[in-house]
C-alpha atoms as a PDB file:
ATOM      1  CA  UNK A   1      43.364  29.769  -7.319  1.00  0.00           C
ATOM      2  CA  UNK A   2      42.563  26.494  -9.078  1.00  0.00           C
ATOM      3  CA  UNK A   3      45.724  24.814  -7.760  1.00  0.00           C
ATOM      4  CA  UNK A   4      44.581  25.634  -4.238  1.00  0.00           C
ATOM      5  CA  UNK A   5      41.319  23.783  -4.952  1.00  0.00           C
ATOM      6  CA  UNK A   6      43.264  20.782  -6.287  1.00  0.00           C
ATOM      7  CA  UNK A   7      45.505  20.798  -3.223  1.00  0.00           C
ATOM      8  CA  UNK A   8      42.507  20.812  -0.866  1.00  0.00           C
ATOM      9  CA  UNK A   9      40.870  17.921  -2.747  1.00  0.00           C
ATOM     10  CA  UNK A  10      44.068  15.842  -2.787  1.00  0.00           C
ATOM     11  CA  UNK A  11      44.704  16.567   0.883  1.00  0.00           C
ATOM     12  CA  UNK A  12      41.179  15.375   1.723  1.00  0.00           C
ATOM     13  CA  UNK A  13      41.661  12.189  -0.298  1.00  0.00           C
ATOM     14  CA  UNK A  14      45.009  11.572   1.391  1.00  0.00           C
ATOM     15  CA  UNK A  15      43.415  11.912   4.823  1.00  0.00           C
ATOM     16  CA  UNK A  16      40.671   9.472   3.848  1.00  0.00           C
ATOM     17  CA  UNK A  17      43.165   6.833   2.740  1.00  0.00           C
ATOM     18  CA  UNK A  18      44.725   4.391   5.223  1.00  0.00           C
ATOM     19  CA  UNK A  19      47.776   4.047   2.948  1.00  0.00           C
ATOM     20  CA  UNK A  20      51.015   5.969   3.424  1.00  0.00           C
ATOM     21  CA  UNK A  21      54.148   5.857   1.256  1.00  0.00           C
ATOM     22  CA  UNK A  22      57.315   6.886   3.087  1.00  0.00           C
ATOM     23  CA  UNK A  23      59.132   9.739   1.309  1.00  0.00           C
ATOM     24  CA  UNK A  24      62.333   8.563   2.985  1.00  0.00           C
ATOM     25  CA  UNK A  25      62.440   5.347   0.943  1.00  0.00           C
ATOM     26  CA  UNK A  26      64.102   5.449  -2.495  1.00  0.00           C
ATOM     27  CA  UNK A  27      61.579   3.136  -4.105  1.00  0.00           C
ATOM     28  CA  UNK A  28      58.740   5.503  -3.148  1.00  0.00           C
ATOM     29  CA  UNK A  29      60.278   8.056  -5.510  1.00  0.00           C
ATOM     30  CA  UNK A  30      60.581   5.484  -8.281  1.00  0.00           C
ATOM     31  CA  UNK A  31      56.900   4.641  -7.854  1.00  0.00           C
ATOM     32  CA  UNK A  32      56.066   8.348  -7.787  1.00  0.00           C
ATOM     33  CA  UNK A  33      57.886   8.933 -11.077  1.00  0.00           C
ATOM     34  CA  UNK A  34      56.056   6.153 -12.904  1.00  0.00           C
ATOM     35  CA  UNK A  35      52.680   6.881 -11.276  1.00  0.00           C
ATOM     36  CA  UNK A  36      52.804  10.540 -12.243  1.00  0.00           C
ATOM     37  CA  UNK A  37      53.942   9.881 -15.814  1.00  0.00           C
ATOM     38  CA  UNK A  38      51.289   7.188 -16.263  1.00  0.00           C
ATOM     39  CA  UNK A  39      48.625   9.599 -15.023  1.00  0.00           C
ATOM     40  CA  UNK A  40      49.906  12.316 -17.343  1.00  0.00           C
ATOM     41  CA  UNK A  41      49.678  10.002 -20.355  1.00  0.00           C
ATOM     42  CA  UNK A  42      45.971   9.331 -19.760  1.00  0.00           C
ATOM     43  CA  UNK A  43      45.237  12.966 -18.936  1.00  0.00           C
ATOM     44  CA  UNK A  44      46.962  14.084 -22.121  1.00  0.00           C
ATOM     45  CA  UNK A  45      45.246  11.412 -24.216  1.00  0.00           C
ATOM     46  CA  UNK A  46      41.854  12.382 -22.807  1.00  0.00           C
ATOM     47  CA  UNK A  47      42.645  16.002 -23.658  1.00  0.00           C
ATOM     48  CA  UNK A  48      42.736  14.997 -27.327  1.00  0.00           C
ATOM     49  CA  UNK A  49      39.791  12.592 -27.306  1.00  0.00           C
ATOM     50  CA  UNK A  50      37.159  14.360 -25.156  1.00  0.00           C
ATOM     51  CA  UNK A  51      35.969  17.582 -26.691  1.00  0.00           C
ATOM     52  CA  UNK A  52      35.439  19.566 -23.479  1.00  0.00           C
ATOM     53  CA  UNK A  53      39.016  18.755 -22.449  1.00  0.00           C
ATOM     54  CA  UNK A  54      40.277  19.537 -25.950  1.00  0.00           C
ATOM     55  CA  UNK A  55      38.623  22.968 -25.637  1.00  0.00           C
ATOM     56  CA  UNK A  56      41.170  23.695 -22.905  1.00  0.00           C
ATOM     57  CA  UNK A  57      44.186  21.894 -24.382  1.00  0.00           C
ATOM     58  CA  UNK A  58      43.747  23.290 -27.904  1.00  0.00           C
ATOM     59  CA  UNK A  59      45.482  26.515 -26.861  1.00  0.00           C
ATOM     60  CA  UNK A  60      48.785  24.680 -26.645  1.00  0.00           C
ATOM     61  CA  UNK A  61      48.344  23.235 -30.141  1.00  0.00           C
ATOM     62  CA  UNK A  62      47.052  26.351 -31.876  1.00  0.00           C
ATOM     63  CA  UNK A  63      50.535  27.633 -32.697  1.00  0.00           C
ATOM     64  CA  UNK A  64      51.530  26.998 -36.319  1.00  0.00           C
ATOM     65  CA  UNK A  65      55.189  27.365 -35.335  1.00  0.00           C
ATOM     66  CA  UNK A  66      57.131  24.926 -33.188  1.00  0.00           C
ATOM     67  CA  UNK A  67      59.777  26.301 -30.867  1.00  0.00           C
ATOM     68  CA  UNK A  68      60.418  26.787 -27.158  1.00  0.00           C
ATOM     69  CA  UNK A  69      57.778  29.512 -26.975  1.00  0.00           C
ATOM     70  CA  UNK A  70      55.169  26.892 -27.935  1.00  0.00           C
ATOM     71  CA  UNK A  71      55.792  25.201 -24.590  1.00  0.00           C
ATOM     72  CA  UNK A  72      54.685  28.413 -22.853  1.00  0.00           C
ATOM     73  CA  UNK A  73      51.454  28.606 -24.827  1.00  0.00           C
ATOM     74  CA  UNK A  74      49.199  27.266 -22.091  1.00  0.00           C
ATOM     75  CA  UNK A  75      45.490  27.320 -21.364  1.00  0.00           C
ATOM     76  CA  UNK A  76      43.739  29.627 -18.942  1.00  0.00           C
ATOM     77  CA  UNK A  77      41.274  26.856 -18.020  1.00  0.00           C
ATOM     78  CA  UNK A  78      43.359  23.898 -16.727  1.00  0.00           C
ATOM     79  CA  UNK A  79      40.541  22.336 -14.727  1.00  0.00           C
ATOM     80  CA  UNK A  80      40.239  18.903 -16.318  1.00  0.00           C
ATOM     81  CA  UNK A  81      43.308  17.247 -14.846  1.00  0.00           C
ATOM     82  CA  UNK A  82      42.210  16.933 -11.228  1.00  0.00           C
ATOM     83  CA  UNK A  83      40.626  13.488 -11.671  1.00  0.00           C
ATOM     84  CA  UNK A  84      43.634  11.884 -13.362  1.00  0.00           C
ATOM     85  CA  UNK A  85      45.952  12.249 -10.353  1.00  0.00           C
ATOM     86  CA  UNK A  86      43.244  11.777  -7.672  1.00  0.00           C
ATOM     87  CA  UNK A  87      44.120   8.089  -7.272  1.00  0.00           C
ATOM     88  CA  UNK A  88      47.660   8.955  -6.136  1.00  0.00           C
ATOM     89  CA  UNK A  89      46.836  10.479  -2.712  1.00  0.00           C
ATOM     90  CA  UNK A  90      44.453   7.554  -2.215  1.00  0.00           C
ATOM     91  CA  UNK A  91      47.391   5.220  -2.926  1.00  0.00           C
ATOM     92  CA  UNK A  92      49.447   6.901  -0.195  1.00  0.00           C
ATOM     93  CA  UNK A  93      51.387   9.643  -1.996  1.00  0.00           C
ATOM     94  CA  UNK A  94      51.385  12.841   0.037  1.00  0.00           C
ATOM     95  CA  UNK A  95      49.846  15.804  -1.874  1.00  0.00           C
ATOM     96  CA  UNK A  96      53.145  17.692  -1.846  1.00  0.00           C
ATOM     97  CA  UNK A  97      54.788  14.746  -3.589  1.00  0.00           C
ATOM     98  CA  UNK A  98      52.083  14.703  -6.261  1.00  0.00           C
ATOM     99  CA  UNK A  99      52.577  18.428  -6.893  1.00  0.00           C
ATOM    100  CA  UNK A 100      56.347  17.990  -7.035  1.00  0.00           C
ATOM    101  CA  UNK A 101      55.994  15.241  -9.639  1.00  0.00           C
ATOM    102  CA  UNK A 102      53.618  17.419 -11.669  1.00  0.00           C
ATOM    103  CA  UNK A 103      56.247  20.171 -11.614  1.00  0.00           C
ATOM    104  CA  UNK A 104      59.174  18.063 -12.816  1.00  0.00           C
ATOM    105  CA  UNK A 105      57.027  16.531 -15.548  1.00  0.00           C
ATOM    106  CA  UNK A 106      56.041  19.999 -16.784  1.00  0.00           C
ATOM    107  CA  UNK A 107      59.616  21.305 -16.629  1.00  0.00           C
ATOM    108  CA  UNK A 108      60.924  18.313 -18.562  1.00  0.00           C
ATOM    109  CA  UNK A 109      58.528  18.967 -21.422  1.00  0.00           C
ATOM    110  CA  UNK A 110      59.859  22.475 -22.086  1.00  0.00           C
ATOM    111  CA  UNK A 111      62.974  21.422 -24.001  1.00  0.00           C
ATOM    112  CA  UNK A 112      61.214  19.007 -26.384  1.00  0.00           C
ATOM    113  CA  UNK A 113      59.426  21.882 -28.138  1.00  0.00           C
ATOM    114  CA  UNK A 114      62.125  22.501 -30.731  1.00  0.00           C
ATOM    115  CA  UNK A 115      62.962  21.732 -34.345  1.00  0.00           C
ATOM    116  CA  UNK A 116      66.676  22.255 -33.730  1.00  0.00           C
ATOM    117  CA  UNK A 117      67.326  18.795 -32.253  1.00  0.00           C
ATOM    118  CA  UNK A 118      67.020  15.807 -34.590  1.00  0.00           C
ATOM    119  CA  UNK A 119      66.730  12.104 -33.860  1.00  0.00           C
ATOM    120  CA  UNK A 120      68.376  10.899 -30.665  1.00  0.00           C
ATOM    121  CA  UNK A 121      68.727   7.166 -31.293  1.00  0.00           C
ATOM    122  CA  UNK A 122      67.976   4.952 -28.309  1.00  0.00           C
ATOM    123  CA  UNK A 123      66.629   7.952 -26.350  1.00  0.00           C
ATOM    124  CA  UNK A 124      63.721   8.259 -28.787  1.00  0.00           C
ATOM    125  CA  UNK A 125      62.672   4.696 -28.030  1.00  0.00           C
ATOM    126  CA  UNK A 126      62.165   5.289 -24.320  1.00  0.00           C
ATOM    127  CA  UNK A 127      61.578   8.987 -23.739  1.00  0.00           C
ATOM    128  CA  UNK A 128      59.525  11.868 -25.019  1.00  0.00           C
ATOM    129  CA  UNK A 129      62.079  13.569 -27.257  1.00  0.00           C
ATOM    130  CA  UNK A 130      61.888  16.541 -29.645  1.00  0.00           C
ATOM    131  CA  UNK A 131      61.331  14.165 -32.561  1.00  0.00           C
ATOM    132  CA  UNK A 132      58.543  12.275 -30.766  1.00  0.00           C
ATOM    133  CA  UNK A 133      56.858  15.458 -29.606  1.00  0.00           C
ATOM    134  CA  UNK A 134      57.013  17.078 -33.043  1.00  0.00           C
ATOM    135  CA  UNK A 135      54.849  14.182 -34.194  1.00  0.00           C
ATOM    136  CA  UNK A 136      52.415  14.917 -31.386  1.00  0.00           C
ATOM    137  CA  UNK A 137      51.955  18.512 -32.562  1.00  0.00           C
ATOM    138  CA  UNK A 138      51.292  17.507 -36.172  1.00  0.00           C
ATOM    139  CA  UNK A 139      48.038  17.707 -38.099  1.00  0.00           C
ATOM    140  CA  UNK A 140      49.225  15.208 -40.741  1.00  0.00           C
ATOM    141  CA  UNK A 141      46.808  12.241 -40.881  1.00  0.00           C
ATOM    142  CA  UNK A 142      49.550   9.674 -40.166  1.00  0.00           C
ATOM    143  CA  UNK A 143      50.668  11.570 -37.058  1.00  0.00           C
ATOM    144  CA  UNK A 144      47.325  12.650 -35.634  1.00  0.00           C
ATOM    145  CA  UNK A 145      46.650  11.805 -31.965  1.00  0.00           C
ATOM    146  CA  UNK A 146      50.008  10.145 -31.349  1.00  0.00           C
ATOM    147  CA  UNK A 147      52.815  10.352 -28.766  1.00  0.00           C
ATOM    148  CA  UNK A 148      51.021  11.567 -25.649  1.00  0.00           C
ATOM    149  CA  UNK A 149      53.840  10.704 -23.235  1.00  0.00           C
ATOM    150  CA  UNK A 150      55.149  13.390 -20.878  1.00  0.00           C
ATOM    151  CA  UNK A 151      58.605  12.047 -19.951  1.00  0.00           C
ATOM    152  CA  UNK A 152      58.408   8.423 -21.069  1.00  0.00           C
ATOM    153  CA  UNK A 153      57.227   7.399 -24.532  1.00  0.00           C
ATOM    154  CA  UNK A 154      56.826   3.761 -23.486  1.00  0.00           C
ATOM    155  CA  UNK A 155      53.159   4.345 -22.577  1.00  0.00           C
ATOM    156  CA  UNK A 156      52.451   5.158 -26.221  1.00  0.00           C
ATOM    157  CA  UNK A 157      54.224   1.992 -27.316  1.00  0.00           C
ATOM    158  CA  UNK A 158      52.239  -0.058 -24.790  1.00  0.00           C
ATOM    159  CA  UNK A 159      48.833   1.426 -25.636  1.00  0.00           C
ATOM    160  CA  UNK A 160      49.162   1.746 -29.416  1.00  0.00           C
ATOM    161  CA  UNK A 161      49.507   5.523 -29.807  1.00  0.00           C
ATOM    162  CA  UNK A 162      53.135   5.719 -30.925  1.00  0.00           C
ATOM    163  CA  UNK A 163      54.303   7.083 -34.294  1.00  0.00           C
ATOM    164  CA  UNK A 164      57.822   7.740 -35.542  1.00  0.00           C
ATOM    165  CA  UNK A 165      58.723  10.985 -37.296  1.00  0.00           C
ATOM    166  CA  UNK A 166      59.044  10.232 -41.003  1.00  0.00           C
ATOM    167  CA  UNK A 167      61.676  12.135 -42.987  1.00  0.00           C
ATOM    168  CA  UNK A 168      59.527  11.723 -46.095  1.00  0.00           C
ATOM    169  CA  UNK A 169      56.563  13.510 -44.511  1.00  0.00           C
ATOM    170  CA  UNK A 170      57.471  16.813 -42.848  1.00  0.00           C
ATOM    171  CA  UNK A 171      55.389  17.730 -39.826  1.00  0.00           C
ATOM    172  CA  UNK A 172      52.744  20.419 -40.304  1.00  0.00           C
ATOM    173  CA  UNK A 173      51.951  22.181 -37.045  1.00  0.00           C
ATOM    174  CA  UNK A 174      48.761  23.702 -35.676  1.00  0.00           C
ATOM    175  CA  UNK A 175      45.186  22.487 -35.526  1.00  0.00           C
ATOM    176  CA  UNK A 176      42.982  21.000 -38.227  1.00  0.00           C
ATOM    177  CA  UNK A 177      40.788  24.094 -38.320  1.00  0.00           C
ATOM    178  CA  UNK A 178      43.313  26.860 -37.673  1.00  0.00           C
ATOM    179  CA  UNK A 179      42.779  29.605 -35.113  1.00  0.00           C
ATOM    180  CA  UNK A 180      43.581  32.330 -37.685  1.00  0.00           C
ATOM    181  CA  UNK A 181      43.858  34.976 -35.020  1.00  0.00           C
ATOM    182  CA  UNK A 182      46.450  36.389 -32.647  1.00  0.00           C
ATOM    183  CA  UNK A 183      43.811  37.184 -30.057  1.00  0.00           C
ATOM    184  CA  UNK A 184      44.622  35.264 -26.821  1.00  0.00           C
ATOM    185  CA  UNK A 185      41.057  35.577 -25.536  1.00  0.00           C
ATOM    186  CA  UNK A 186      39.646  33.953 -28.665  1.00  0.00           C
ATOM    187  CA  UNK A 187      42.392  31.309 -28.581  1.00  0.00           C
ATOM    188  CA  UNK A 188      41.143  30.256 -25.148  1.00  0.00           C
ATOM    189  CA  UNK A 189      37.423  30.538 -25.851  1.00  0.00           C
ATOM    190  CA  UNK A 190      36.877  29.536 -29.467  1.00  0.00           C
ATOM    191  CA  UNK A 191      36.273  25.803 -28.970  1.00  0.00           C
ATOM    192  CA  UNK A 192      34.066  26.442 -25.944  1.00  0.00           C
ATOM    193  CA  UNK A 193      32.045  28.780 -28.179  1.00  0.00           C
ATOM    194  CA  UNK A 194      31.796  26.093 -30.856  1.00  0.00           C
ATOM    195  CA  UNK A 195      30.697  23.523 -28.285  1.00  0.00           C
ATOM    196  CA  UNK A 196      27.996  25.810 -26.938  1.00  0.00           C
ATOM    197  CA  UNK A 197      26.800  26.602 -30.463  1.00  0.00           C
ATOM    198  CA  UNK A 198      26.580  22.948 -31.547  1.00  0.00           C
ATOM    199  CA  UNK A 199      24.916  21.965 -28.297  1.00  0.00           C
ATOM    200  CA  UNK A 200      22.354  24.755 -28.649  1.00  0.00           C
ATOM    201  CA  UNK A 201      21.437  23.797 -32.209  1.00  0.00           C
ATOM    202  CA  UNK A 202      21.274  20.025 -31.646  1.00  0.00           C
ATOM    203  CA  UNK A 203      17.699  18.772 -31.703  1.00  0.00           C
ATOM    204  CA  UNK A 204      18.301  15.744 -29.473  1.00  0.00           C
ATOM    205  CA  UNK A 205      18.910  16.260 -25.774  1.00  0.00           C
ATOM    206  CA  UNK A 206      21.313  13.321 -25.864  1.00  0.00           C
ATOM    207  CA  UNK A 207      23.283  15.032 -28.640  1.00  0.00           C
ATOM    208  CA  UNK A 208      23.341  18.254 -26.653  1.00  0.00           C
ATOM    209  CA  UNK A 209      25.296  16.334 -24.011  1.00  0.00           C
ATOM    210  CA  UNK A 210      27.339  14.154 -26.380  1.00  0.00           C
ATOM    211  CA  UNK A 211      28.752  17.246 -28.071  1.00  0.00           C
ATOM    212  CA  UNK A 212      30.823  17.933 -24.952  1.00  0.00           C
ATOM    213  CA  UNK A 213      32.052  14.362 -24.458  1.00  0.00           C
ATOM    214  CA  UNK A 214      32.701  13.039 -27.968  1.00  0.00           C
ATOM    215  CA  UNK A 215      36.100  13.363 -29.715  1.00  0.00           C
ATOM    216  CA  UNK A 216      37.008  16.662 -31.404  1.00  0.00           C
ATOM    217  CA  UNK A 217      35.460  16.875 -34.843  1.00  0.00           C
ATOM    218  CA  UNK A 218      32.303  14.993 -33.887  1.00  0.00           C
ATOM    219  CA  UNK A 219      29.052  16.881 -34.520  1.00  0.00           C
ATOM    220  CA  UNK A 220      25.399  15.830 -34.380  1.00  0.00           C
ATOM    221  CA  UNK A 221      24.157  14.856 -37.850  1.00  0.00           C
ATOM    222  CA  UNK A 222      21.424  17.493 -37.889  1.00  0.00           C
ATOM    223  CA  UNK A 223      23.854  20.246 -36.854  1.00  0.00           C
ATOM    224  CA  UNK A 224      26.405  19.161 -39.457  1.00  0.00           C
ATOM    225  CA  UNK A 225      23.723  19.323 -42.166  1.00  0.00           C
ATOM    226  CA  UNK A 226      22.522  22.775 -41.155  1.00  0.00           C
ATOM    227  CA  UNK A 227      25.953  24.263 -40.512  1.00  0.00           C
ATOM    228  CA  UNK A 228      28.447  22.347 -42.691  1.00  0.00           C
ATOM    229  CA  UNK A 229      32.181  22.890 -42.309  1.00  0.00           C
ATOM    230  CA  UNK A 230      34.816  22.151 -44.954  1.00  0.00           C
ATOM    231  CA  UNK A 231      36.696  18.888 -44.671  1.00  0.00           C
ATOM    232  CA  UNK A 232      40.319  19.064 -43.600  1.00  0.00           C
ATOM    233  CA  UNK A 233      42.766  19.150 -46.510  1.00  0.00           C
ATOM    234  CA  UNK A 234      46.471  19.142 -45.655  1.00  0.00           C
ATOM    235  CA  UNK A 235      47.401  20.175 -49.200  1.00  0.00           C
ATOM    236  CA  UNK A 236      45.527  23.493 -48.957  1.00  0.00           C
ATOM    237  CA  UNK A 237      46.482  24.357 -45.382  1.00  0.00           C
ATOM    238  CA  UNK A 238      48.321  27.675 -45.176  1.00  0.00           C
ATOM    239  CA  UNK A 239      50.097  29.258 -42.232  1.00  0.00           C
ATOM    240  CA  UNK A 240      48.314  32.300 -40.833  1.00  0.00           C
ATOM    241  CA  UNK A 241      50.476  35.325 -41.652  1.00  0.00           C
ATOM    242  CA  UNK A 242      48.276  38.310 -42.551  1.00  0.00           C
ATOM    243  CA  UNK A 243      49.984  41.386 -44.029  1.00  0.00           C
ATOM    244  CA  UNK A 244      49.975  44.298 -41.608  1.00  0.00           C
ATOM    245  CA  UNK A 245      50.791  47.974 -42.111  1.00  0.00           C
ATOM    246  CA  UNK A 246      54.190  48.784 -40.646  1.00  0.00           C
ATOM    247  CA  UNK A 247      52.725  51.209 -38.109  1.00  0.00           C
ATOM    248  CA  UNK A 248      50.183  48.626 -36.937  1.00  0.00           C
ATOM    249  CA  UNK A 249      52.865  45.973 -36.531  1.00  0.00           C
ATOM    250  CA  UNK A 250      55.015  48.338 -34.461  1.00  0.00           C
ATOM    251  CA  UNK A 251      52.052  49.390 -32.315  1.00  0.00           C
ATOM    252  CA  UNK A 252      51.130  45.751 -31.633  1.00  0.00           C
ATOM    253  CA  UNK A 253      54.735  44.845 -30.787  1.00  0.00           C
ATOM    254  CA  UNK A 254      55.142  47.777 -28.386  1.00  0.00           C
ATOM    255  CA  UNK A 255      51.801  47.045 -26.746  1.00  0.00           C
ATOM    256  CA  UNK A 256      52.810  43.398 -26.313  1.00  0.00           C
ATOM    257  CA  UNK A 257      56.101  44.411 -24.666  1.00  0.00           C
ATOM    258  CA  UNK A 258      54.155  46.756 -22.385  1.00  0.00           C
ATOM    259  CA  UNK A 259      51.768  43.922 -21.489  1.00  0.00           C
ATOM    260  CA  UNK A 260      54.732  41.664 -20.632  1.00  0.00           C
ATOM    261  CA  UNK A 261      56.196  44.386 -18.434  1.00  0.00           C
ATOM    262  CA  UNK A 262      52.860  44.946 -16.726  1.00  0.00           C
ATOM    263  CA  UNK A 263      52.481  41.198 -16.151  1.00  0.00           C
ATOM    264  CA  UNK A 264      55.954  40.981 -14.578  1.00  0.00           C
ATOM    265  CA  UNK A 265      55.211  43.916 -12.282  1.00  0.00           C
ATOM    266  CA  UNK A 266      51.799  42.467 -11.422  1.00  0.00           C
ATOM    267  CA  UNK A 267      53.247  39.091 -10.449  1.00  0.00           C
ATOM    268  CA  UNK A 268      56.062  40.737  -8.470  1.00  0.00           C
ATOM    269  CA  UNK A 269      53.653  42.858  -6.441  1.00  0.00           C
ATOM    270  CA  UNK A 270      50.713  40.422  -6.297  1.00  0.00           C
ATOM    271  CA  UNK A 271      51.250  39.572  -2.617  1.00  0.00           C
ATOM    272  CA  UNK A 272      50.833  43.238  -1.701  1.00  0.00           C
ATOM    273  CA  UNK A 273      47.679  43.893  -3.694  1.00  0.00           C
ATOM    274  CA  UNK A 274      44.148  43.782  -2.368  1.00  0.00           C
ATOM    275  CA  UNK A 275      41.539  41.557  -3.971  1.00  0.00           C
ATOM    276  CA  UNK A 276      40.257  44.552  -5.915  1.00  0.00           C
ATOM    277  CA  UNK A 277      43.773  45.403  -7.038  1.00  0.00           C
ATOM    278  CA  UNK A 278      44.400  41.831  -8.183  1.00  0.00           C
ATOM    279  CA  UNK A 279      41.171  41.775 -10.192  1.00  0.00           C
ATOM    280  CA  UNK A 280      41.780  45.203 -11.733  1.00  0.00           C
ATOM    281  CA  UNK A 281      45.389  44.412 -12.618  1.00  0.00           C
ATOM    282  CA  UNK A 282      44.478  41.068 -14.155  1.00  0.00           C
ATOM    283  CA  UNK A 283      41.649  42.627 -16.148  1.00  0.00           C
ATOM    284  CA  UNK A 284      43.965  45.365 -17.409  1.00  0.00           C
ATOM    285  CA  UNK A 285      46.521  42.840 -18.651  1.00  0.00           C
ATOM    286  CA  UNK A 286      43.806  40.811 -20.398  1.00  0.00           C
ATOM    287  CA  UNK A 287      42.485  43.953 -22.098  1.00  0.00           C
ATOM    288  CA  UNK A 288      46.017  44.824 -23.241  1.00  0.00           C
ATOM    289  CA  UNK A 289      46.506  41.377 -24.755  1.00  0.00           C
ATOM    290  CA  UNK A 290      43.086  41.562 -26.397  1.00  0.00           C
ATOM    291  CA  UNK A 291      44.130  44.873 -27.988  1.00  0.00           C
ATOM    292  CA  UNK A 292      47.232  43.181 -29.421  1.00  0.00           C
ATOM    293  CA  UNK A 293      44.978  40.594 -31.033  1.00  0.00           C
ATOM    294  CA  UNK A 294      42.571  43.259 -32.273  1.00  0.00           C
ATOM    295  CA  UNK A 295      45.379  45.292 -33.862  1.00  0.00           C
ATOM    296  CA  UNK A 296      46.834  42.280 -35.667  1.00  0.00           C
ATOM    297  CA  UNK A 297      43.493  41.002 -36.991  1.00  0.00           C
ATOM    298  CA  UNK A 298      42.977  42.091 -40.619  1.00  0.00           C
ATOM    299  CA  UNK A 299      39.961  44.362 -40.775  1.00  0.00           C
ATOM    300  CA  UNK A 300      38.577  42.532 -43.827  1.00  0.00           C
ATOM    301  CA  UNK A 301      38.903  39.012 -42.376  1.00  0.00           C
ATOM    302  CA  UNK A 302      35.975  36.885 -41.352  1.00  0.00           C
ATOM    303  CA  UNK A 303      35.509  35.507 -37.868  1.00  0.00           C
ATOM    304  CA  UNK A 304      38.184  33.155 -36.654  1.00  0.00           C
ATOM    305  CA  UNK A 305      37.657  29.527 -37.566  1.00  0.00           C
ATOM    306  CA  UNK A 306      36.862  27.263 -34.654  1.00  0.00           C
ATOM    307  CA  UNK A 307      39.813  24.984 -33.969  1.00  0.00           C
ATOM    308  CA  UNK A 308      39.173  21.355 -34.786  1.00  0.00           C
ATOM    309  CA  UNK A 309      35.570  21.805 -33.771  1.00  0.00           C
END
């Protein structure tokens, strides 16, 4: 759905531009590679520095583990990236080329989400590697908001956002105010809820707007006084691992497997379903995943903490 909107916008921009880059020329593909990766760097950096964009991107960082499954932990609201690649169709790149570059950049990033591969020497100096990307997923103060590069890490070196993984300071993964929930709906909505709450309570109309545009962690002074939140302390941070009754754990696991099976069947048959069928099937899967989160949430726990709000 949203990708179709992006495609229409990029196609319109491409038609408006007098420029055309020939896909039959080798240097067009070199330019495409660098243009896409450059755009990704700024999109990714903005996703960490503008709170409304962080509200979407936080889903990917909310995992307190770091493995290949973390790469698949993606947002349901990927709407902020459209502006960062909009210049490319205006520069003469056909929309299909832009989408192809987006795809290879995303596929490349899958393998760097691992703790099983150590330093890679010269490769670490030029490319986004597992070591470089582990730093990016850290909440340690020395690592925070570093290593935004998608394929190349040279953008971080050029623009002052590079940090090397330090053997003397192990990476701690997650967000600075942990999700503390296995509920995928709350994982996608919690920062939006925090934004709306802070904006509602802010006395100044300017602050009501700034809440959405300032970096994560920024709050209006009056809101911070009325609704204080504890300062981040790496030393007291604990991984979320609530004890669950054996029966509850089994029920949640079986329900999750059922939800995966339903999702696979839904995607396989999506082209045959009516609009009503698509909506009903999607809603059913979401409800199933919400039930997994509900089952695994300790009954005595408080509401989930808003991530890095």
